[in-house]
N, C-alpha and C. Protein backbone atom coordinates (compact mmCIF):
# COMPACT_ATOMS: atom_id res chain seq x y z
N MET A 1 -134.19 95.57 -102.91
CA MET A 1 -134.14 94.18 -102.37
C MET A 1 -132.73 93.73 -102.11
N TYR A 2 -132.54 93.09 -100.93
CA TYR A 2 -131.32 92.72 -100.58
C TYR A 2 -131.37 91.05 -100.49
N ARG A 3 -130.39 90.41 -100.99
CA ARG A 3 -130.33 88.84 -101.05
C ARG A 3 -129.05 88.21 -100.75
N THR A 4 -129.01 87.11 -100.10
CA THR A 4 -127.89 86.30 -99.92
C THR A 4 -128.34 84.79 -99.93
N MET A 5 -127.34 84.06 -100.34
CA MET A 5 -127.62 82.58 -100.43
C MET A 5 -126.52 81.89 -99.55
N THR A 6 -127.09 80.96 -98.72
CA THR A 6 -126.22 80.11 -97.76
C THR A 6 -126.91 78.66 -97.84
N HIS A 7 -125.95 77.76 -98.00
CA HIS A 7 -126.60 76.30 -98.09
C HIS A 7 -127.72 76.10 -98.98
N ASP A 8 -127.78 76.78 -100.09
CA ASP A 8 -128.70 76.60 -101.06
C ASP A 8 -130.03 77.23 -100.62
N ILE A 9 -130.13 78.15 -99.68
CA ILE A 9 -131.31 78.69 -99.02
C ILE A 9 -131.14 80.16 -99.27
N GLU A 10 -132.03 80.73 -100.11
CA GLU A 10 -131.88 82.20 -100.32
C GLU A 10 -132.76 83.02 -99.35
N VAL A 11 -132.20 84.00 -98.88
CA VAL A 11 -132.87 85.07 -97.95
C VAL A 11 -132.90 86.25 -98.75
N SER A 12 -134.10 86.99 -98.85
CA SER A 12 -134.41 88.23 -99.56
C SER A 12 -134.87 89.18 -98.42
N VAL A 13 -134.63 90.29 -98.47
CA VAL A 13 -135.17 91.32 -97.50
C VAL A 13 -135.45 92.59 -98.15
N GLU A 14 -136.70 93.16 -97.93
CA GLU A 14 -137.11 94.44 -98.65
C GLU A 14 -137.68 95.32 -97.53
N PRO A 15 -136.81 96.28 -97.04
CA PRO A 15 -137.04 97.23 -96.04
C PRO A 15 -137.97 98.35 -96.51
N PHE A 16 -138.83 98.91 -95.60
CA PHE A 16 -139.56 100.02 -96.11
C PHE A 16 -139.91 100.93 -94.74
N TYR A 17 -139.84 102.31 -94.96
CA TYR A 17 -140.08 103.09 -93.88
C TYR A 17 -141.58 103.25 -93.60
N LEU A 18 -141.88 103.34 -92.23
CA LEU A 18 -143.18 103.34 -91.82
C LEU A 18 -143.51 104.76 -91.23
N ALA A 19 -143.73 105.75 -92.04
CA ALA A 19 -144.09 107.08 -91.65
C ALA A 19 -145.22 107.27 -90.58
N ASP A 20 -146.22 106.36 -90.74
CA ASP A 20 -147.34 106.52 -89.83
C ASP A 20 -147.09 105.99 -88.51
N ARG A 21 -146.08 105.10 -88.34
CA ARG A 21 -145.74 104.83 -86.94
C ARG A 21 -144.59 105.47 -86.45
N SER A 22 -143.86 106.49 -87.27
CA SER A 22 -142.75 107.12 -86.79
C SER A 22 -143.16 108.45 -86.27
N ASP A 23 -142.24 109.10 -85.47
CA ASP A 23 -142.35 110.48 -84.89
C ASP A 23 -141.04 110.97 -84.97
N PRO A 24 -140.31 111.55 -85.90
CA PRO A 24 -139.13 112.14 -85.95
C PRO A 24 -138.86 113.13 -84.77
N GLU A 25 -139.99 114.02 -84.51
CA GLU A 25 -139.80 115.03 -83.51
C GLU A 25 -139.42 114.39 -82.10
N ALA A 26 -139.99 113.27 -81.91
CA ALA A 26 -139.70 112.64 -80.75
C ALA A 26 -138.42 111.56 -80.77
N GLY A 27 -137.83 111.65 -81.95
CA GLY A 27 -136.71 110.63 -82.10
C GLY A 27 -137.16 109.13 -82.29
N ARG A 28 -138.16 109.01 -83.05
CA ARG A 28 -138.58 107.52 -83.17
C ARG A 28 -138.97 107.51 -84.64
N TYR A 29 -138.18 106.53 -85.22
CA TYR A 29 -138.24 106.12 -86.62
C TYR A 29 -138.35 104.65 -86.73
N VAL A 30 -139.54 104.43 -87.58
CA VAL A 30 -139.76 102.85 -87.63
C VAL A 30 -139.74 102.40 -88.91
N TRP A 31 -139.18 101.23 -89.22
CA TRP A 31 -139.02 100.46 -90.60
C TRP A 31 -139.85 99.11 -90.41
N GLY A 32 -140.27 98.83 -91.47
CA GLY A 32 -140.95 97.50 -91.74
C GLY A 32 -139.83 96.70 -92.67
N TYR A 33 -139.92 95.50 -92.57
CA TYR A 33 -139.09 94.68 -93.50
C TYR A 33 -139.77 93.34 -93.94
N ARG A 34 -139.84 92.95 -95.12
CA ARG A 34 -140.36 91.75 -95.72
C ARG A 34 -139.25 90.75 -96.00
N VAL A 35 -139.31 89.59 -95.37
CA VAL A 35 -138.33 88.52 -95.63
C VAL A 35 -138.99 87.46 -96.41
N THR A 36 -138.18 86.89 -97.21
CA THR A 36 -138.60 85.81 -98.06
C THR A 36 -137.45 84.70 -97.84
N ILE A 37 -137.65 83.59 -97.46
CA ILE A 37 -136.63 82.47 -97.26
C ILE A 37 -137.13 81.48 -98.29
N ASP A 38 -136.30 81.11 -99.19
CA ASP A 38 -136.52 80.20 -100.45
C ASP A 38 -135.46 79.01 -100.22
N ASN A 39 -136.07 78.00 -100.05
CA ASN A 39 -135.31 76.77 -99.82
C ASN A 39 -135.19 76.14 -101.22
N GLN A 40 -133.87 76.39 -101.80
CA GLN A 40 -133.48 75.87 -103.00
C GLN A 40 -132.53 74.62 -102.98
N SER A 41 -132.52 74.03 -101.66
CA SER A 41 -131.68 73.02 -101.41
C SER A 41 -132.56 71.57 -101.67
N ASP A 42 -131.90 70.48 -101.58
CA ASP A 42 -132.70 69.38 -101.76
C ASP A 42 -132.96 68.73 -100.49
N GLU A 43 -133.01 69.46 -99.29
CA GLU A 43 -133.35 68.98 -98.05
C GLU A 43 -134.62 69.74 -97.29
N HIS A 44 -135.38 68.93 -96.58
CA HIS A 44 -136.42 69.65 -95.80
C HIS A 44 -135.63 70.30 -94.50
N VAL A 45 -136.07 71.49 -94.35
CA VAL A 45 -135.32 72.35 -93.19
C VAL A 45 -136.50 72.92 -92.43
N LYS A 46 -135.91 73.25 -91.20
CA LYS A 46 -136.76 73.98 -90.12
C LYS A 46 -136.06 75.11 -89.71
N LEU A 47 -136.72 76.35 -89.60
CA LEU A 47 -136.05 77.44 -88.95
C LEU A 47 -136.21 77.52 -87.38
N LEU A 48 -135.09 77.40 -86.56
CA LEU A 48 -135.14 77.22 -85.17
C LEU A 48 -135.16 78.50 -84.52
N SER A 49 -134.25 79.44 -84.88
CA SER A 49 -134.01 80.76 -84.20
C SER A 49 -133.58 81.87 -85.24
N ARG A 50 -133.69 83.06 -84.56
CA ARG A 50 -133.08 84.26 -85.28
C ARG A 50 -131.95 85.06 -84.50
N TYR A 51 -131.07 85.67 -85.07
CA TYR A 51 -130.21 86.65 -84.52
C TYR A 51 -130.10 87.77 -85.36
N TRP A 52 -130.30 89.07 -84.76
CA TRP A 52 -130.15 90.34 -85.61
C TRP A 52 -129.32 91.14 -84.81
N HIS A 53 -128.46 91.81 -85.61
CA HIS A 53 -127.34 92.80 -85.23
C HIS A 53 -127.79 94.18 -85.83
N ILE A 54 -128.21 95.01 -85.05
CA ILE A 54 -128.85 96.23 -85.48
C ILE A 54 -128.03 97.41 -85.02
N THR A 55 -127.62 98.26 -86.01
CA THR A 55 -126.74 99.47 -85.57
C THR A 55 -127.62 100.56 -86.22
N ASP A 56 -127.61 101.69 -85.21
CA ASP A 56 -128.29 102.95 -85.63
C ASP A 56 -127.37 103.83 -86.21
N GLY A 57 -127.90 105.11 -86.47
CA GLY A 57 -126.97 106.06 -87.17
C GLY A 57 -125.89 106.64 -86.40
N THR A 58 -125.90 106.55 -85.01
CA THR A 58 -124.85 106.86 -84.33
C THR A 58 -123.86 105.61 -83.81
N GLY A 59 -124.06 104.56 -84.09
CA GLY A 59 -123.23 103.41 -84.13
C GLY A 59 -123.60 102.67 -82.88
N ARG A 60 -124.91 102.89 -82.20
CA ARG A 60 -125.30 102.12 -81.08
C ARG A 60 -125.83 100.69 -81.59
N VAL A 61 -125.37 99.73 -80.84
CA VAL A 61 -125.70 98.33 -81.48
C VAL A 61 -126.78 97.77 -80.49
N GLU A 62 -127.78 97.14 -81.15
CA GLU A 62 -128.77 96.12 -80.30
C GLU A 62 -128.60 94.81 -80.84
N GLU A 63 -128.58 93.95 -80.21
CA GLU A 63 -128.70 92.35 -80.64
C GLU A 63 -129.89 91.91 -80.19
N VAL A 64 -130.61 91.08 -81.04
CA VAL A 64 -132.00 90.49 -80.81
C VAL A 64 -131.72 89.01 -81.03
N ARG A 65 -132.11 88.17 -80.18
CA ARG A 65 -132.06 86.72 -80.25
C ARG A 65 -133.37 86.04 -79.84
N GLY A 66 -133.77 85.05 -80.51
CA GLY A 66 -135.08 84.49 -80.01
C GLY A 66 -135.49 83.04 -81.05
N PRO A 67 -136.38 82.50 -80.56
CA PRO A 67 -136.94 81.42 -81.32
C PRO A 67 -137.61 81.72 -82.34
N GLY A 68 -137.54 81.08 -83.67
CA GLY A 68 -138.45 81.34 -84.86
C GLY A 68 -138.55 82.75 -85.25
N VAL A 69 -139.47 83.06 -85.93
CA VAL A 69 -139.71 84.34 -86.58
C VAL A 69 -141.23 84.51 -86.50
N VAL A 70 -141.53 85.80 -85.86
CA VAL A 70 -142.90 86.23 -85.79
C VAL A 70 -143.74 85.05 -85.02
N GLY A 71 -143.35 84.45 -83.95
CA GLY A 71 -143.97 83.43 -83.34
C GLY A 71 -144.02 81.94 -83.95
N GLU A 72 -143.36 81.90 -85.17
CA GLU A 72 -143.42 80.68 -85.90
C GLU A 72 -141.88 80.10 -86.05
N GLN A 73 -141.97 78.77 -86.21
CA GLN A 73 -140.61 78.06 -86.71
C GLN A 73 -141.16 77.33 -87.92
N PRO A 74 -141.00 78.07 -89.17
CA PRO A 74 -141.44 77.35 -90.22
C PRO A 74 -140.53 76.10 -90.75
N GLU A 75 -141.23 75.28 -91.49
CA GLU A 75 -140.61 74.09 -92.12
C GLU A 75 -140.78 74.20 -93.50
N LEU A 76 -139.67 74.12 -94.21
CA LEU A 76 -139.68 74.20 -95.60
C LEU A 76 -139.06 72.98 -96.48
N ASP A 77 -140.03 72.32 -97.30
CA ASP A 77 -139.52 71.47 -98.17
C ASP A 77 -138.73 71.97 -99.13
N PRO A 78 -137.88 71.02 -99.98
CA PRO A 78 -137.19 71.59 -100.95
C PRO A 78 -138.24 72.41 -102.14
N GLY A 79 -137.88 73.44 -102.63
CA GLY A 79 -138.66 74.38 -103.32
C GLY A 79 -139.65 75.33 -102.77
N ASP A 80 -139.76 75.17 -101.31
CA ASP A 80 -140.78 75.90 -100.83
C ASP A 80 -140.20 77.33 -100.21
N SER A 81 -141.00 78.30 -100.31
CA SER A 81 -140.70 79.70 -99.71
C SER A 81 -141.52 79.99 -98.47
N TYR A 82 -141.13 80.74 -97.65
CA TYR A 82 -141.60 81.41 -96.62
C TYR A 82 -141.52 82.92 -96.46
N GLN A 83 -142.53 83.60 -96.13
CA GLN A 83 -142.42 85.06 -96.27
C GLN A 83 -143.11 85.65 -94.92
N TYR A 84 -142.44 86.62 -94.28
CA TYR A 84 -143.08 87.21 -93.22
C TYR A 84 -142.69 88.70 -93.09
N MET A 85 -143.44 89.45 -92.36
CA MET A 85 -143.04 90.78 -92.21
C MET A 85 -142.77 91.29 -90.71
N SER A 86 -141.91 92.11 -90.49
CA SER A 86 -141.69 92.51 -89.10
C SER A 86 -141.02 94.04 -89.03
N GLY A 87 -140.80 94.42 -87.98
CA GLY A 87 -140.34 95.93 -87.99
C GLY A 87 -139.20 96.07 -87.01
N CYS A 88 -138.68 97.37 -87.16
CA CYS A 88 -137.57 97.72 -86.27
C CYS A 88 -137.80 99.36 -85.98
N PRO A 89 -137.76 99.75 -84.65
CA PRO A 89 -137.73 101.06 -84.33
C PRO A 89 -136.41 101.68 -83.98
N LEU A 90 -135.85 102.67 -84.56
CA LEU A 90 -134.61 103.24 -84.14
C LEU A 90 -134.95 104.73 -83.57
N SER A 91 -133.87 105.11 -83.06
CA SER A 91 -133.99 106.62 -82.40
C SER A 91 -133.18 107.74 -83.53
N THR A 92 -132.62 106.94 -84.52
CA THR A 92 -132.09 107.80 -85.47
C THR A 92 -132.63 107.67 -87.00
N PRO A 93 -132.45 108.59 -87.94
CA PRO A 93 -133.13 108.42 -89.16
C PRO A 93 -132.51 107.34 -90.05
N SER A 94 -131.48 106.79 -89.77
CA SER A 94 -130.81 105.63 -90.59
C SER A 94 -130.31 104.49 -89.66
N GLY A 95 -130.03 103.39 -90.11
CA GLY A 95 -129.36 102.29 -89.49
C GLY A 95 -129.16 101.22 -90.51
N ILE A 96 -128.63 100.11 -89.99
CA ILE A 96 -128.39 99.09 -90.80
C ILE A 96 -128.76 97.82 -89.85
N MET A 97 -129.18 96.77 -90.63
CA MET A 97 -129.46 95.44 -89.93
C MET A 97 -128.86 94.25 -90.67
N VAL A 98 -128.31 93.48 -89.97
CA VAL A 98 -127.75 92.00 -90.46
C VAL A 98 -127.97 90.92 -89.56
N GLY A 99 -128.00 89.74 -89.99
CA GLY A 99 -128.28 88.58 -89.03
C GLY A 99 -128.26 87.21 -89.61
N ARG A 100 -128.56 86.27 -88.76
CA ARG A 100 -128.78 84.79 -89.21
C ARG A 100 -129.85 84.20 -88.57
N TYR A 101 -130.29 83.07 -89.40
CA TYR A 101 -131.16 82.01 -88.94
C TYR A 101 -130.56 80.84 -88.58
N THR A 102 -130.83 80.00 -87.55
CA THR A 102 -130.28 78.88 -87.33
C THR A 102 -131.44 77.79 -87.91
N MET A 103 -130.93 76.87 -88.63
CA MET A 103 -131.82 75.87 -89.23
C MET A 103 -131.39 74.66 -88.84
N ARG A 104 -132.36 73.56 -88.95
CA ARG A 104 -132.10 72.21 -88.79
C ARG A 104 -132.64 71.39 -89.95
N ASN A 105 -131.87 70.46 -90.50
CA ASN A 105 -132.29 69.52 -91.62
C ASN A 105 -132.90 68.37 -91.10
N ALA A 106 -133.38 67.61 -91.75
CA ALA A 106 -134.10 66.14 -91.53
C ALA A 106 -133.17 65.14 -90.82
N ARG A 107 -132.07 65.40 -91.08
CA ARG A 107 -130.79 64.47 -90.28
C ARG A 107 -130.61 64.94 -88.97
N GLY A 108 -131.29 66.16 -88.71
CA GLY A 108 -130.99 66.59 -87.20
C GLY A 108 -129.80 67.71 -87.21
N ASP A 109 -128.99 67.66 -88.33
CA ASP A 109 -127.96 68.71 -88.41
C ASP A 109 -128.49 70.20 -88.21
N THR A 110 -127.67 71.04 -87.39
CA THR A 110 -128.00 72.52 -87.38
C THR A 110 -127.06 73.20 -88.24
N PHE A 111 -127.47 74.36 -88.58
CA PHE A 111 -126.34 75.16 -89.36
C PHE A 111 -127.09 76.55 -89.50
N ASP A 112 -126.33 77.69 -89.74
CA ASP A 112 -126.72 78.94 -89.87
C ASP A 112 -126.68 79.42 -91.26
N ILE A 113 -127.79 80.26 -91.64
CA ILE A 113 -127.90 80.86 -92.91
C ILE A 113 -127.92 82.35 -92.78
N ALA A 114 -127.27 83.03 -93.51
CA ALA A 114 -127.00 84.43 -93.50
C ALA A 114 -128.34 85.25 -93.89
N ILE A 115 -128.55 86.38 -92.87
CA ILE A 115 -129.62 87.37 -93.64
C ILE A 115 -128.78 88.44 -94.06
N PRO A 116 -128.88 88.86 -95.21
CA PRO A 116 -128.08 89.93 -95.87
C PRO A 116 -128.20 91.21 -95.20
N ALA A 117 -127.20 92.13 -94.91
CA ALA A 117 -127.02 93.31 -94.46
C ALA A 117 -128.05 94.30 -95.30
N PHE A 118 -128.74 95.13 -94.60
CA PHE A 118 -129.71 95.93 -95.29
C PHE A 118 -129.76 97.38 -94.61
N SER A 119 -129.97 98.38 -95.45
CA SER A 119 -129.89 99.73 -95.05
C SER A 119 -131.36 100.22 -94.77
N LEU A 120 -131.51 100.91 -93.55
CA LEU A 120 -132.57 101.58 -93.05
C LEU A 120 -132.42 103.00 -93.38
N ASP A 121 -133.01 103.74 -94.28
CA ASP A 121 -132.84 105.11 -94.66
C ASP A 121 -134.25 105.66 -95.06
N LEU A 122 -134.35 107.00 -94.49
CA LEU A 122 -135.56 107.79 -94.82
C LEU A 122 -135.72 107.70 -96.30
N PRO A 123 -136.89 107.78 -96.79
CA PRO A 123 -137.19 107.98 -98.17
C PRO A 123 -136.75 109.38 -98.59
N ASP A 124 -136.07 109.55 -99.68
CA ASP A 124 -135.50 111.05 -99.92
C ASP A 124 -134.63 111.52 -99.07
N GLY A 125 -134.09 110.70 -98.16
CA GLY A 125 -133.04 111.26 -97.14
C GLY A 125 -131.75 110.89 -97.65
N ARG A 126 -130.77 111.77 -97.21
CA ARG A 126 -129.40 111.55 -97.39
C ARG A 126 -129.01 110.20 -96.75
N ARG A 127 -128.31 109.58 -97.81
CA ARG A 127 -127.79 108.22 -97.24
C ARG A 127 -126.59 108.42 -96.46
N THR A 128 -126.39 107.66 -95.45
CA THR A 128 -125.25 107.58 -94.76
C THR A 128 -124.55 106.38 -94.67
N VAL A 129 -123.28 106.33 -94.26
CA VAL A 129 -122.66 104.91 -94.07
C VAL A 129 -122.73 104.65 -92.49
N ASN A 130 -123.37 103.51 -92.26
CA ASN A 130 -123.49 103.32 -90.84
C ASN A 130 -122.42 102.27 -90.26
């Protein structure tokens, strides 16, 4: 599990390899990841957008931006948590993801919270530095 805290909002990520959706012979490796956003602040917040910086094992970078997560823009009161799952295909057997969410509080202020960098590695595979 990978974790980081920004503005009293904790983001935890748990990646996992999806062998049944992968085809290594065709150069397709797919990972799922479970994200938990835990509002430990004293403010109501809304997740507006996401940004991902994805680097595969050869150093190729893909950037992904968009509104919300998995079609939602969750709102969290103090003490609330929100969890979702998503996935990422790569053409290499390893990679790394990192990103940020843009949030808005009840006063209308927007700010970014960090998504921790996390490694995408095959189970029992040799780990590489990406």
